[in-house]
Amino acid sequence: MLKPSYNETLLEAGIDEAGRGCLAGPVFAAAVILPRNLMLDDINDSKKITEKKRYELREIIIKHAIDYAVEYSTNEEIDKLNILRATILAMHRCLDKLKVKPDFIIIDGNKFIPYKNIPYKTIVKGDSLYMNIAAASILAKTYRDDYMKNLHLKYPQYMWNENKGYPTESHIKAIEMYGLTPYHRKSFHLKCQQLRLF
């Protein structure tokens, strides 16, 4: 079972992202503050649980969280800033949106930019270790999936309802056939060309 939090004395927010490796769409981030006594046996890194379970857990997290926020950076911001800076921007937007301000922040991964002098800790694979980061990973993933499913209605040929913008074979073939949409990350496309994926 995952640990509830990293810091046992301070009010802590866990943060994670979804969509960093996609060719299209925004990168999402979520921040979650959970009660210390909340124990959810099924919660884990969003990549390790089924889509159905993610959506079930999302409702539980939303119901029981002390506070949570979900935000994103657009594909234009990703192209302008680079994916790392755009991801951290989305994380900061989550923290801005929280009504309850945390005393400590833990972030999945190894990169972060300080936020308003709040102490923080980056943790590689933190979504497999701490419940609040895992909860954030589930919210970021499900909200982003919803966003891409809605975009699919406008651009069905790219199959974003299935691949969510990731570089699957069908997505790459669709780009070859139909070109790029306004939601594709142009900087990622150039890198893929250099890697001879197109």
N, C-alpha and C. Protein backbone atom coordinates (compact mmCIF):
# COMPACT_ATOMS: atom_id res chain seq x y z
N MET A 1 0.84 -1.21 0.00
CA MET A 1 0.00 0.00 0.00
C MET A 1 0.87 1.25 0.00
N LEU A 2 0.42 2.28 -0.69
CA LEU A 2 1.15 3.53 -0.76
C LEU A 2 1.08 4.27 0.57
N LYS A 3 2.09 5.09 0.85
CA LYS A 3 2.08 5.93 2.04
C LYS A 3 1.15 7.12 1.79
N PRO A 4 0.43 7.59 2.81
CA PRO A 4 -0.49 8.72 2.61
C PRO A 4 0.22 9.98 2.13
N SER A 5 1.41 10.25 2.70
CA SER A 5 2.13 11.48 2.36
C SER A 5 3.61 11.31 2.70
N TYR A 6 4.41 12.24 2.22
CA TYR A 6 5.85 12.25 2.50
C TYR A 6 6.14 12.88 3.85
N ASN A 7 5.46 14.01 4.12
CA ASN A 7 5.67 14.75 5.35
C ASN A 7 4.52 14.45 6.31
N GLU A 8 4.82 14.00 7.51
CA GLU A 8 3.78 13.54 8.43
C GLU A 8 3.24 14.64 9.33
N THR A 9 3.79 15.85 9.24
CA THR A 9 3.35 16.91 10.14
C THR A 9 2.75 18.11 9.42
N LEU A 10 3.12 18.35 8.16
CA LEU A 10 2.65 19.52 7.43
C LEU A 10 1.52 19.16 6.48
N LEU A 11 0.68 20.14 6.19
CA LEU A 11 -0.38 19.96 5.20
C LEU A 11 0.28 19.89 3.82
N GLU A 12 0.12 18.75 3.16
CA GLU A 12 0.92 18.45 1.96
C GLU A 12 0.06 18.27 0.73
N ALA A 13 0.50 18.83 -0.39
CA ALA A 13 -0.14 18.61 -1.68
C ALA A 13 0.76 17.72 -2.54
N GLY A 14 0.15 16.73 -3.18
CA GLY A 14 0.85 15.91 -4.15
C GLY A 14 0.53 16.40 -5.56
N ILE A 15 1.52 16.41 -6.43
CA ILE A 15 1.34 16.93 -7.78
C ILE A 15 1.88 15.93 -8.80
N ASP A 16 1.14 15.78 -9.90
CA ASP A 16 1.61 14.96 -11.02
C ASP A 16 1.03 15.52 -12.31
N GLU A 17 1.52 15.01 -13.44
CA GLU A 17 1.11 15.49 -14.75
C GLU A 17 0.66 14.32 -15.62
N ALA A 18 0.06 14.67 -16.75
CA ALA A 18 -0.31 13.68 -17.76
C ALA A 18 -0.19 14.32 -19.14
N GLY A 19 0.38 13.56 -20.06
CA GLY A 19 0.44 14.01 -21.45
C GLY A 19 1.75 14.61 -21.90
N ARG A 20 2.81 14.41 -21.15
CA ARG A 20 4.09 15.01 -21.56
C ARG A 20 4.59 14.44 -22.88
N GLY A 21 4.38 13.14 -23.11
CA GLY A 21 4.95 12.50 -24.29
C GLY A 21 4.05 12.48 -25.51
N CYS A 22 3.00 13.28 -25.51
CA CYS A 22 2.04 13.26 -26.62
C CYS A 22 2.50 14.14 -27.78
N LEU A 23 1.97 13.85 -28.95
CA LEU A 23 2.20 14.69 -30.13
C LEU A 23 1.14 15.77 -30.26
N ALA A 24 0.02 15.63 -29.57
CA ALA A 24 -1.08 16.58 -29.71
C ALA A 24 -1.74 16.81 -28.35
N GLY A 25 -2.35 17.99 -28.22
CA GLY A 25 -3.10 18.32 -27.02
C GLY A 25 -2.25 18.95 -25.94
N PRO A 26 -2.91 19.42 -24.89
CA PRO A 26 -2.20 20.06 -23.78
C PRO A 26 -1.55 19.05 -22.85
N VAL A 27 -0.70 19.56 -21.97
CA VAL A 27 -0.21 18.77 -20.85
C VAL A 27 -1.01 19.19 -19.63
N PHE A 28 -1.55 18.21 -18.91
CA PHE A 28 -2.37 18.46 -17.73
C PHE A 28 -1.56 18.23 -16.46
N ALA A 29 -1.94 18.92 -15.41
CA ALA A 29 -1.36 18.68 -14.09
C ALA A 29 -2.48 18.73 -13.06
N ALA A 30 -2.26 18.04 -11.96
CA ALA A 30 -3.23 18.07 -10.86
C ALA A 30 -2.48 18.18 -9.54
N ALA A 31 -3.11 18.86 -8.59
CA ALA A 31 -2.61 18.95 -7.22
C ALA A 31 -3.71 18.45 -6.29
N VAL A 32 -3.34 17.60 -5.35
CA VAL A 32 -4.33 17.00 -4.45
C VAL A 32 -3.83 17.05 -3.01
N ILE A 33 -4.70 17.52 -2.11
CA ILE A 33 -4.45 17.46 -0.67
C ILE A 33 -5.45 16.47 -0.09
N LEU A 34 -4.95 15.38 0.48
CA LEU A 34 -5.80 14.34 1.04
C LEU A 34 -5.78 14.37 2.57
N PRO A 35 -6.88 13.95 3.20
CA PRO A 35 -6.86 13.79 4.66
C PRO A 35 -5.86 12.71 5.07
N ARG A 36 -5.22 12.91 6.19
CA ARG A 36 -4.19 11.95 6.63
C ARG A 36 -4.77 10.57 6.94
N ASN A 37 -6.03 10.53 7.35
CA ASN A 37 -6.62 9.24 7.74
C ASN A 37 -7.31 8.53 6.57
N LEU A 38 -7.24 9.10 5.37
CA LEU A 38 -7.87 8.46 4.22
C LEU A 38 -6.96 7.37 3.66
N MET A 39 -7.46 6.15 3.61
CA MET A 39 -6.69 5.03 3.07
C MET A 39 -7.48 4.40 1.93
N LEU A 40 -6.92 4.41 0.75
CA LEU A 40 -7.57 3.84 -0.44
C LEU A 40 -6.69 2.71 -0.97
N ASP A 41 -7.14 1.50 -0.79
CA ASP A 41 -6.34 0.34 -1.16
C ASP A 41 -6.04 0.29 -2.66
N ASP A 42 -6.98 0.74 -3.49
CA ASP A 42 -6.83 0.59 -4.94
C ASP A 42 -6.04 1.70 -5.60
N ILE A 43 -5.74 2.75 -4.87
CA ILE A 43 -5.09 3.90 -5.50
C ILE A 43 -3.64 3.58 -5.82
N ASN A 44 -3.22 4.03 -7.02
CA ASN A 44 -1.85 3.77 -7.48
C ASN A 44 -1.56 4.71 -8.64
N ASP A 45 -0.35 4.64 -9.13
CA ASP A 45 0.03 5.33 -10.35
C ASP A 45 -1.03 5.05 -11.42
N SER A 46 -1.53 6.11 -12.07
CA SER A 46 -2.64 5.95 -13.01
C SER A 46 -2.32 5.00 -14.15
N LYS A 47 -1.04 4.86 -14.48
CA LYS A 47 -0.65 3.95 -15.58
C LYS A 47 -0.78 2.48 -15.18
N LYS A 48 -0.92 2.22 -13.89
CA LYS A 48 -0.95 0.83 -13.41
C LYS A 48 -2.37 0.32 -13.14
N ILE A 49 -3.38 1.16 -13.39
CA ILE A 49 -4.76 0.73 -13.16
C ILE A 49 -5.58 0.94 -14.41
N THR A 50 -6.69 0.24 -14.50
CA THR A 50 -7.52 0.29 -15.71
C THR A 50 -8.23 1.64 -15.84
N GLU A 51 -8.68 1.92 -17.05
CA GLU A 51 -9.41 3.17 -17.29
C GLU A 51 -10.67 3.23 -16.42
N LYS A 52 -11.39 2.13 -16.35
CA LYS A 52 -12.61 2.10 -15.53
C LYS A 52 -12.29 2.41 -14.07
N LYS A 53 -11.24 1.81 -13.54
CA LYS A 53 -10.86 2.04 -12.14
C LYS A 53 -10.39 3.48 -11.92
N ARG A 54 -9.71 4.05 -12.90
CA ARG A 54 -9.28 5.44 -12.77
C ARG A 54 -10.47 6.37 -12.58
N TYR A 55 -11.52 6.15 -13.38
CA TYR A 55 -12.69 7.02 -13.27
C TYR A 55 -13.46 6.77 -11.97
N GLU A 56 -13.48 5.54 -11.50
CA GLU A 56 -14.10 5.25 -10.20
C GLU A 56 -13.35 5.96 -9.08
N LEU A 57 -12.02 5.86 -9.14
CA LEU A 57 -11.20 6.49 -8.10
C LEU A 57 -11.26 8.01 -8.18
N ARG A 58 -11.42 8.55 -9.39
CA ARG A 58 -11.52 10.00 -9.51
C ARG A 58 -12.67 10.54 -8.66
N GLU A 59 -13.82 9.88 -8.71
CA GLU A 59 -14.96 10.34 -7.94
C GLU A 59 -14.71 10.25 -6.44
N ILE A 60 -14.01 9.20 -6.03
CA ILE A 60 -13.69 9.04 -4.60
C ILE A 60 -12.71 10.12 -4.15
N ILE A 61 -11.70 10.38 -4.99
CA ILE A 61 -10.71 11.41 -4.66
C ILE A 61 -11.37 12.79 -4.54
N ILE A 62 -12.21 13.12 -5.52
CA ILE A 62 -12.90 14.41 -5.50
C ILE A 62 -13.79 14.55 -4.26
N LYS A 63 -14.44 13.46 -3.90
CA LYS A 63 -15.36 13.48 -2.75
C LYS A 63 -14.61 13.69 -1.43
N HIS A 64 -13.46 13.05 -1.29
CA HIS A 64 -12.79 13.02 0.01
C HIS A 64 -11.61 13.99 0.14
N ALA A 65 -11.13 14.54 -0.94
CA ALA A 65 -9.96 15.44 -0.86
C ALA A 65 -10.27 16.68 -0.04
N ILE A 66 -9.30 17.13 0.73
CA ILE A 66 -9.41 18.42 1.40
C ILE A 66 -9.51 19.52 0.36
N ASP A 67 -8.71 19.39 -0.70
CA ASP A 67 -8.77 20.30 -1.84
C ASP A 67 -8.05 19.65 -3.01
N TYR A 68 -8.42 20.07 -4.20
CA TYR A 68 -7.74 19.59 -5.41
C TYR A 68 -7.91 20.63 -6.50
N ALA A 69 -7.04 20.56 -7.48
CA ALA A 69 -7.15 21.43 -8.65
C ALA A 69 -6.53 20.73 -9.84
N VAL A 70 -7.10 20.98 -11.02
CA VAL A 70 -6.59 20.44 -12.28
C VAL A 70 -6.46 21.59 -13.27
N GLU A 71 -5.29 21.70 -13.89
CA GLU A 71 -5.04 22.76 -14.87
C GLU A 71 -4.19 22.19 -16.01
N TYR A 72 -3.98 23.01 -17.04
CA TYR A 72 -3.17 22.54 -18.16
C TYR A 72 -2.43 23.69 -18.83
N SER A 73 -1.43 23.32 -19.64
CA SER A 73 -0.76 24.24 -20.55
C SER A 73 -1.06 23.78 -21.96
N THR A 74 -1.35 24.70 -22.84
CA THR A 74 -1.76 24.38 -24.20
C THR A 74 -0.59 23.89 -25.04
N ASN A 75 -0.93 23.32 -26.19
CA ASN A 75 0.12 22.90 -27.12
C ASN A 75 0.94 24.10 -27.62
N GLU A 76 0.30 25.28 -27.75
CA GLU A 76 1.04 26.48 -28.14
C GLU A 76 2.06 26.87 -27.06
N GLU A 77 1.65 26.76 -25.80
CA GLU A 77 2.57 27.07 -24.71
C GLU A 77 3.71 26.06 -24.66
N ILE A 78 3.40 24.81 -24.95
CA ILE A 78 4.45 23.77 -24.99
C ILE A 78 5.47 24.11 -26.06
N ASP A 79 5.00 24.51 -27.25
CA ASP A 79 5.91 24.85 -28.34
C ASP A 79 6.74 26.09 -28.01
N LYS A 80 6.14 27.04 -27.30
CA LYS A 80 6.83 28.28 -26.97
C LYS A 80 7.84 28.09 -25.84
N LEU A 81 7.46 27.33 -24.81
CA LEU A 81 8.26 27.26 -23.59
C LEU A 81 9.19 26.05 -23.54
N ASN A 82 8.80 24.96 -24.12
CA ASN A 82 9.32 23.58 -24.08
C ASN A 82 8.46 22.79 -23.10
N ILE A 83 8.49 21.48 -23.23
CA ILE A 83 7.54 20.64 -22.49
C ILE A 83 7.78 20.69 -20.98
N LEU A 84 9.02 20.77 -20.55
CA LEU A 84 9.29 20.80 -19.10
C LEU A 84 8.74 22.07 -18.47
N ARG A 85 9.05 23.21 -19.05
CA ARG A 85 8.58 24.48 -18.50
C ARG A 85 7.06 24.59 -18.57
N ALA A 86 6.48 24.09 -19.66
CA ALA A 86 5.02 24.12 -19.78
C ALA A 86 4.35 23.23 -18.74
N THR A 87 4.98 22.09 -18.45
CA THR A 87 4.46 21.19 -17.43
C THR A 87 4.49 21.85 -16.06
N ILE A 88 5.60 22.47 -15.73
CA ILE A 88 5.72 23.15 -14.44
C ILE A 88 4.76 24.33 -14.36
N LEU A 89 4.53 25.02 -15.48
CA LEU A 89 3.54 26.09 -15.52
C LEU A 89 2.15 25.56 -15.16
N ALA A 90 1.79 24.40 -15.73
CA ALA A 90 0.50 23.79 -15.39
C ALA A 90 0.43 23.43 -13.91
N MET A 91 1.54 22.95 -13.36
CA MET A 91 1.58 22.63 -11.93
C MET A 91 1.38 23.88 -11.08
N HIS A 92 2.04 24.96 -11.45
CA HIS A 92 1.89 26.22 -10.71
C HIS A 92 0.45 26.73 -10.81
N ARG A 93 -0.17 26.55 -11.97
CA ARG A 93 -1.57 26.96 -12.12
C ARG A 93 -2.48 26.18 -11.18
N CYS A 94 -2.17 24.89 -10.98
CA CYS A 94 -2.93 24.10 -10.02
C CYS A 94 -2.79 24.68 -8.61
N LEU A 95 -1.57 25.00 -8.24
CA LEU A 95 -1.35 25.54 -6.91
C LEU A 95 -2.04 26.89 -6.74
N ASP A 96 -2.04 27.69 -7.80
CA ASP A 96 -2.77 28.96 -7.76
C ASP A 96 -4.26 28.76 -7.50
N LYS A 97 -4.79 27.67 -8.02
CA LYS A 97 -6.22 27.40 -7.99
C LYS A 97 -6.69 26.80 -6.67
N LEU A 98 -5.78 26.22 -5.90
CA LEU A 98 -6.16 25.62 -4.62
C LEU A 98 -6.71 26.68 -3.67
N LYS A 99 -7.81 26.36 -3.04
CA LYS A 99 -8.37 27.24 -2.02
C LYS A 99 -7.66 27.05 -0.68
N VAL A 100 -7.21 25.83 -0.44
CA VAL A 100 -6.44 25.52 0.77
C VAL A 100 -4.97 25.48 0.38
N LYS A 101 -4.18 26.36 0.95
CA LYS A 101 -2.77 26.44 0.57
C LYS A 101 -1.93 25.44 1.36
N PRO A 102 -1.17 24.60 0.69
CA PRO A 102 -0.37 23.60 1.39
C PRO A 102 0.86 24.21 2.06
N ASP A 103 1.35 23.50 3.07
CA ASP A 103 2.59 23.89 3.73
C ASP A 103 3.80 23.22 3.10
N PHE A 104 3.53 22.17 2.33
CA PHE A 104 4.60 21.39 1.71
C PHE A 104 4.06 20.78 0.42
N ILE A 105 4.94 20.62 -0.56
CA ILE A 105 4.55 20.08 -1.87
C ILE A 105 5.47 18.92 -2.23
N ILE A 106 4.88 17.82 -2.71
CA ILE A 106 5.70 16.76 -3.30
C ILE A 106 5.27 16.58 -4.76
N ILE A 107 6.26 16.40 -5.61
CA ILE A 107 6.04 16.37 -7.05
C ILE A 107 6.63 15.10 -7.64
N ASP A 108 5.85 14.44 -8.49
CA ASP A 108 6.38 13.27 -9.19
C ASP A 108 7.44 13.71 -10.20
N GLY A 109 8.60 13.05 -10.17
CA GLY A 109 9.67 13.39 -11.11
C GLY A 109 10.87 13.99 -10.41
N ASN A 110 11.71 14.66 -11.19
CA ASN A 110 12.94 15.22 -10.61
C ASN A 110 13.16 16.69 -10.94
N LYS A 111 12.16 17.35 -11.53
CA LYS A 111 12.31 18.77 -11.89
C LYS A 111 11.11 19.57 -11.39
N PHE A 112 11.40 20.74 -10.84
CA PHE A 112 10.35 21.65 -10.40
C PHE A 112 10.96 23.03 -10.23
N ILE A 113 10.14 24.05 -10.35
CA ILE A 113 10.55 25.42 -10.08
C ILE A 113 9.83 25.85 -8.80
N PRO A 114 10.55 26.41 -7.84
CA PRO A 114 9.92 26.78 -6.56
C PRO A 114 8.66 27.61 -6.75
N TYR A 115 7.70 27.36 -5.85
CA TYR A 115 6.42 28.06 -5.90
C TYR A 115 6.19 28.82 -4.60
N LYS A 116 6.23 30.14 -4.68
CA LYS A 116 5.89 31.03 -3.55
C LYS A 116 6.56 30.63 -2.23
N ASN A 117 7.80 30.22 -2.31
CA ASN A 117 8.59 29.88 -1.12
C ASN A 117 8.03 28.71 -0.31
N ILE A 118 7.12 27.94 -0.88
CA ILE A 118 6.62 26.75 -0.19
C ILE A 118 7.66 25.64 -0.36
N PRO A 119 8.11 25.02 0.71
CA PRO A 119 9.09 23.94 0.59
C PRO A 119 8.51 22.78 -0.20
N TYR A 120 9.39 22.08 -0.93
CA TYR A 120 8.93 20.99 -1.79
C TYR A 120 9.98 19.89 -1.89
N LYS A 121 9.54 18.77 -2.42
CA LYS A 121 10.41 17.63 -2.65
C LYS A 121 10.01 16.96 -3.96
N THR A 122 10.94 16.80 -4.88
CA THR A 122 10.67 16.02 -6.09
C THR A 122 11.00 14.56 -5.81
N ILE A 123 10.16 13.66 -6.30
CA ILE A 123 10.32 12.22 -6.01
C ILE A 123 10.12 11.42 -7.28
N VAL A 124 11.17 10.80 -7.76
CA VAL A 124 11.08 9.95 -8.93
C VAL A 124 10.18 8.75 -8.62
N LYS A 125 9.22 8.50 -9.50
CA LYS A 125 8.22 7.45 -9.31
C LYS A 125 7.39 7.67 -8.04
N GLY A 126 7.20 8.93 -7.71
CA GLY A 126 6.42 9.26 -6.52
C GLY A 126 4.98 8.80 -6.61
N ASP A 127 4.46 8.66 -7.84
CA ASP A 127 3.08 8.20 -8.00
C ASP A 127 2.91 6.73 -7.65
N SER A 128 4.01 6.03 -7.47
CA SER A 128 3.95 4.64 -7.00
C SER A 128 4.30 4.51 -5.52
N LEU A 129 4.57 5.65 -4.88
CA LEU A 129 5.00 5.64 -3.49
C LEU A 129 4.04 6.36 -2.54
N TYR A 130 3.45 7.47 -3.02
CA TYR A 130 2.66 8.32 -2.13
C TYR A 130 1.25 8.52 -2.68
N MET A 131 0.28 8.39 -1.79
CA MET A 131 -1.12 8.39 -2.19
C MET A 131 -1.56 9.72 -2.80
N ASN A 132 -1.05 10.83 -2.27
CA ASN A 132 -1.49 12.11 -2.80
C ASN A 132 -0.95 12.36 -4.21
N ILE A 133 0.25 11.89 -4.51
CA ILE A 133 0.76 12.00 -5.88
C ILE A 133 0.00 11.07 -6.81
N ALA A 134 -0.27 9.85 -6.33
CA ALA A 134 -1.05 8.91 -7.15
C ALA A 134 -2.44 9.47 -7.45
N ALA A 135 -3.05 10.10 -6.45
CA ALA A 135 -4.36 10.73 -6.66
C ALA A 135 -4.26 11.82 -7.72
N ALA A 136 -3.19 12.62 -7.65
CA ALA A 136 -2.98 13.67 -8.65
C ALA A 136 -2.78 13.08 -10.04
N SER A 137 -2.09 11.95 -10.12
CA SER A 137 -1.87 11.31 -11.42
C SER A 137 -3.19 10.83 -12.02
N ILE A 138 -4.08 10.34 -11.17
CA ILE A 138 -5.38 9.86 -11.65
C ILE A 138 -6.24 11.03 -12.15
N LEU A 139 -6.24 12.13 -11.41
CA LEU A 139 -7.02 13.29 -11.84
C LEU A 139 -6.45 13.88 -13.13
N ALA A 140 -5.15 14.04 -13.19
CA ALA A 140 -4.55 14.61 -14.40
C ALA A 140 -4.82 13.74 -15.61
N LYS A 141 -4.68 12.43 -15.44
CA LYS A 141 -4.90 11.50 -16.55
C LYS A 141 -6.34 11.50 -17.02
N THR A 142 -7.30 11.40 -16.10
CA THR A 142 -8.70 11.29 -16.51
C THR A 142 -9.23 12.60 -17.09
N TYR A 143 -8.83 13.73 -16.51
CA TYR A 143 -9.28 15.01 -17.06
C TYR A 143 -8.67 15.24 -18.45
N ARG A 144 -7.43 14.84 -18.64
CA ARG A 144 -6.83 14.98 -19.96
C ARG A 144 -7.49 14.04 -20.97
N ASP A 145 -7.76 12.81 -20.55
CA ASP A 145 -8.45 11.87 -21.44
C ASP A 145 -9.80 12.43 -21.88
N ASP A 146 -10.53 13.03 -20.95
CA ASP A 146 -11.82 13.65 -21.30
C ASP A 146 -11.62 14.75 -22.34
N TYR A 147 -10.60 15.55 -22.15
CA TYR A 147 -10.30 16.64 -23.08
C TYR A 147 -10.02 16.10 -24.48
N MET A 148 -9.21 15.04 -24.57
CA MET A 148 -8.85 14.48 -25.87
C MET A 148 -10.03 13.76 -26.52
N LYS A 149 -10.90 13.16 -25.72
CA LYS A 149 -12.11 12.53 -26.28
C LYS A 149 -13.02 13.58 -26.90
N ASN A 150 -13.09 14.75 -26.30
CA ASN A 150 -13.88 15.83 -26.86
C ASN A 150 -13.25 16.35 -28.16
N LEU A 151 -11.93 16.46 -28.19
CA LEU A 151 -11.26 16.88 -29.42
C LEU A 151 -11.46 15.86 -30.54
N HIS A 152 -11.56 14.60 -30.17
CA HIS A 152 -11.78 13.54 -31.16
C HIS A 152 -13.05 13.79 -31.96
N LEU A 153 -14.06 14.36 -31.35
CA LEU A 153 -15.30 14.63 -32.06
C LEU A 153 -15.09 15.62 -33.21
N LYS A 154 -14.10 16.49 -33.06
CA LYS A 154 -13.78 17.47 -34.09
C LYS A 154 -12.80 16.93 -35.12
N TYR A 155 -11.92 16.04 -34.69
CA TYR A 155 -10.88 15.47 -35.56
C TYR A 155 -10.86 13.95 -35.43
N PRO A 156 -11.90 13.27 -35.85
CA PRO A 156 -12.01 11.81 -35.62
C PRO A 156 -10.94 10.99 -36.32
N GLN A 157 -10.37 11.52 -37.39
CA GLN A 157 -9.40 10.72 -38.16
C GLN A 157 -8.13 10.42 -37.38
N TYR A 158 -7.87 11.18 -36.32
CA TYR A 158 -6.63 10.97 -35.55
C TYR A 158 -6.82 9.98 -34.40
N MET A 159 -8.04 9.56 -34.15
CA MET A 159 -8.34 8.54 -33.14
C MET A 159 -7.88 8.94 -31.74
N TRP A 160 -8.06 10.21 -31.41
CA TRP A 160 -7.63 10.68 -30.09
C TRP A 160 -8.47 10.10 -28.97
N ASN A 161 -9.63 9.56 -29.29
CA ASN A 161 -10.42 8.89 -28.25
C ASN A 161 -9.73 7.62 -27.78
N GLU A 162 -8.85 7.08 -28.61
CA GLU A 162 -8.11 5.87 -28.26
C GLU A 162 -6.66 6.16 -27.87
N ASN A 163 -5.95 6.93 -28.70
CA ASN A 163 -4.52 7.14 -28.43
C ASN A 163 -4.23 8.36 -27.56
N LYS A 164 -5.24 9.21 -27.34
CA LYS A 164 -5.14 10.40 -26.48
C LYS A 164 -4.02 11.36 -26.90
N GLY A 165 -3.60 11.25 -28.16
CA GLY A 165 -2.56 12.14 -28.67
C GLY A 165 -1.16 11.57 -28.62
N TYR A 166 -1.01 10.36 -28.08
CA TYR A 166 0.31 9.73 -28.03
C TYR A 166 0.71 9.24 -29.43
N PRO A 167 2.01 9.05 -29.65
CA PRO A 167 2.51 8.70 -31.00
C PRO A 167 2.34 7.22 -31.35
N THR A 168 1.10 6.77 -31.42
CA THR A 168 0.83 5.42 -31.86
C THR A 168 0.99 5.33 -33.38
N GLU A 169 1.04 4.13 -33.88
CA GLU A 169 1.18 3.94 -35.33
C GLU A 169 0.02 4.57 -36.09
N SER A 170 -1.21 4.39 -35.56
CA SER A 170 -2.38 4.94 -36.25
C SER A 170 -2.36 6.47 -36.23
N HIS A 171 -1.89 7.05 -35.14
CA HIS A 171 -1.81 8.51 -35.06
C HIS A 171 -0.77 9.05 -36.05
N ILE A 172 0.36 8.40 -36.11
CA ILE A 172 1.42 8.83 -37.04
C ILE A 172 0.95 8.71 -38.49
N LYS A 173 0.26 7.64 -38.81
CA LYS A 173 -0.26 7.46 -40.17
C LYS A 173 -1.30 8.53 -40.51
N ALA A 174 -2.12 8.89 -39.53
CA ALA A 174 -3.13 9.93 -39.76
C ALA A 174 -2.46 11.28 -40.04
N ILE A 175 -1.38 11.57 -39.34
CA ILE A 175 -0.65 12.82 -39.60
C ILE A 175 -0.06 12.80 -41.01
N GLU A 176 0.46 11.65 -41.41
CA GLU A 176 0.99 11.53 -42.77
C GLU A 176 -0.09 11.79 -43.81
N MET A 177 -1.30 11.32 -43.54
CA MET A 177 -2.40 11.43 -44.51
C MET A 177 -3.07 12.80 -44.49
N TYR A 178 -3.28 13.35 -43.29
CA TYR A 178 -4.11 14.55 -43.14
C TYR A 178 -3.35 15.78 -42.68
N GLY A 179 -2.09 15.62 -42.31
CA GLY A 179 -1.32 16.76 -41.82
C GLY A 179 -1.60 17.06 -40.36
N LEU A 180 -1.15 18.23 -39.93
CA LEU A 180 -1.26 18.62 -38.54
C LEU A 180 -2.51 19.45 -38.29
N THR A 181 -3.06 19.32 -37.10
CA THR A 181 -4.19 20.14 -36.67
C THR A 181 -3.66 21.31 -35.83
N PRO A 182 -4.51 22.27 -35.49
CA PRO A 182 -4.08 23.33 -34.58
C PRO A 182 -3.73 22.85 -33.18
N TYR A 183 -4.07 21.58 -32.88
CA TYR A 183 -3.80 21.03 -31.54
C TYR A 183 -2.52 20.20 -31.49
N HIS A 184 -1.85 20.02 -32.63
CA HIS A 184 -0.59 19.28 -32.62
C HIS A 184 0.55 20.17 -32.11
N ARG A 185 1.48 19.53 -31.43
CA ARG A 185 2.66 20.23 -30.93
C ARG A 185 3.67 20.28 -32.06
N LYS A 186 3.88 21.45 -32.62
CA LYS A 186 4.73 21.58 -33.81
C LYS A 186 6.19 21.24 -33.49
N SER A 187 6.64 21.59 -32.30
CA SER A 187 8.03 21.30 -31.92
C SER A 187 8.24 19.79 -31.80
N PHE A 188 7.23 19.06 -31.31
CA PHE A 188 7.33 17.60 -31.22
C PHE A 188 7.34 17.00 -32.61
N HIS A 189 6.55 17.55 -33.51
CA HIS A 189 6.49 17.03 -34.88
C HIS A 189 7.86 17.12 -35.55
N LEU A 190 8.56 18.22 -35.35
CA LEU A 190 9.87 18.39 -35.94
C LEU A 190 10.84 17.35 -35.41
N LYS A 191 10.77 17.08 -34.12
CA LYS A 191 11.64 16.07 -33.53
C LYS A 191 11.34 14.70 -34.13
N CYS A 192 10.05 14.40 -34.31
CA CYS A 192 9.68 13.12 -34.90
C CYS A 192 10.19 13.00 -36.32
N GLN A 193 10.17 14.09 -37.08
CA GLN A 193 10.70 14.05 -38.44
C GLN A 193 12.18 13.72 -38.41
N GLN A 194 12.88 14.32 -37.46
CA GLN A 194 14.31 14.06 -37.36
C GLN A 194 14.60 12.61 -36.99
N LEU A 195 13.67 12.00 -36.26
CA LEU A 195 13.81 10.60 -35.87
C LEU A 195 13.30 9.65 -36.95
N ARG A 196 12.87 10.23 -38.09
CA ARG A 196 12.40 9.45 -39.24
C ARG A 196 11.14 8.64 -38.93
N LEU A 197 10.31 9.19 -38.04
CA LEU A 197 9.05 8.52 -37.77
C LEU A 197 8.01 8.86 -38.83
N PHE A 198 8.26 9.91 -39.60
CA PHE A 198 7.31 10.33 -40.63
C PHE A 198 7.91 10.09 -42.01
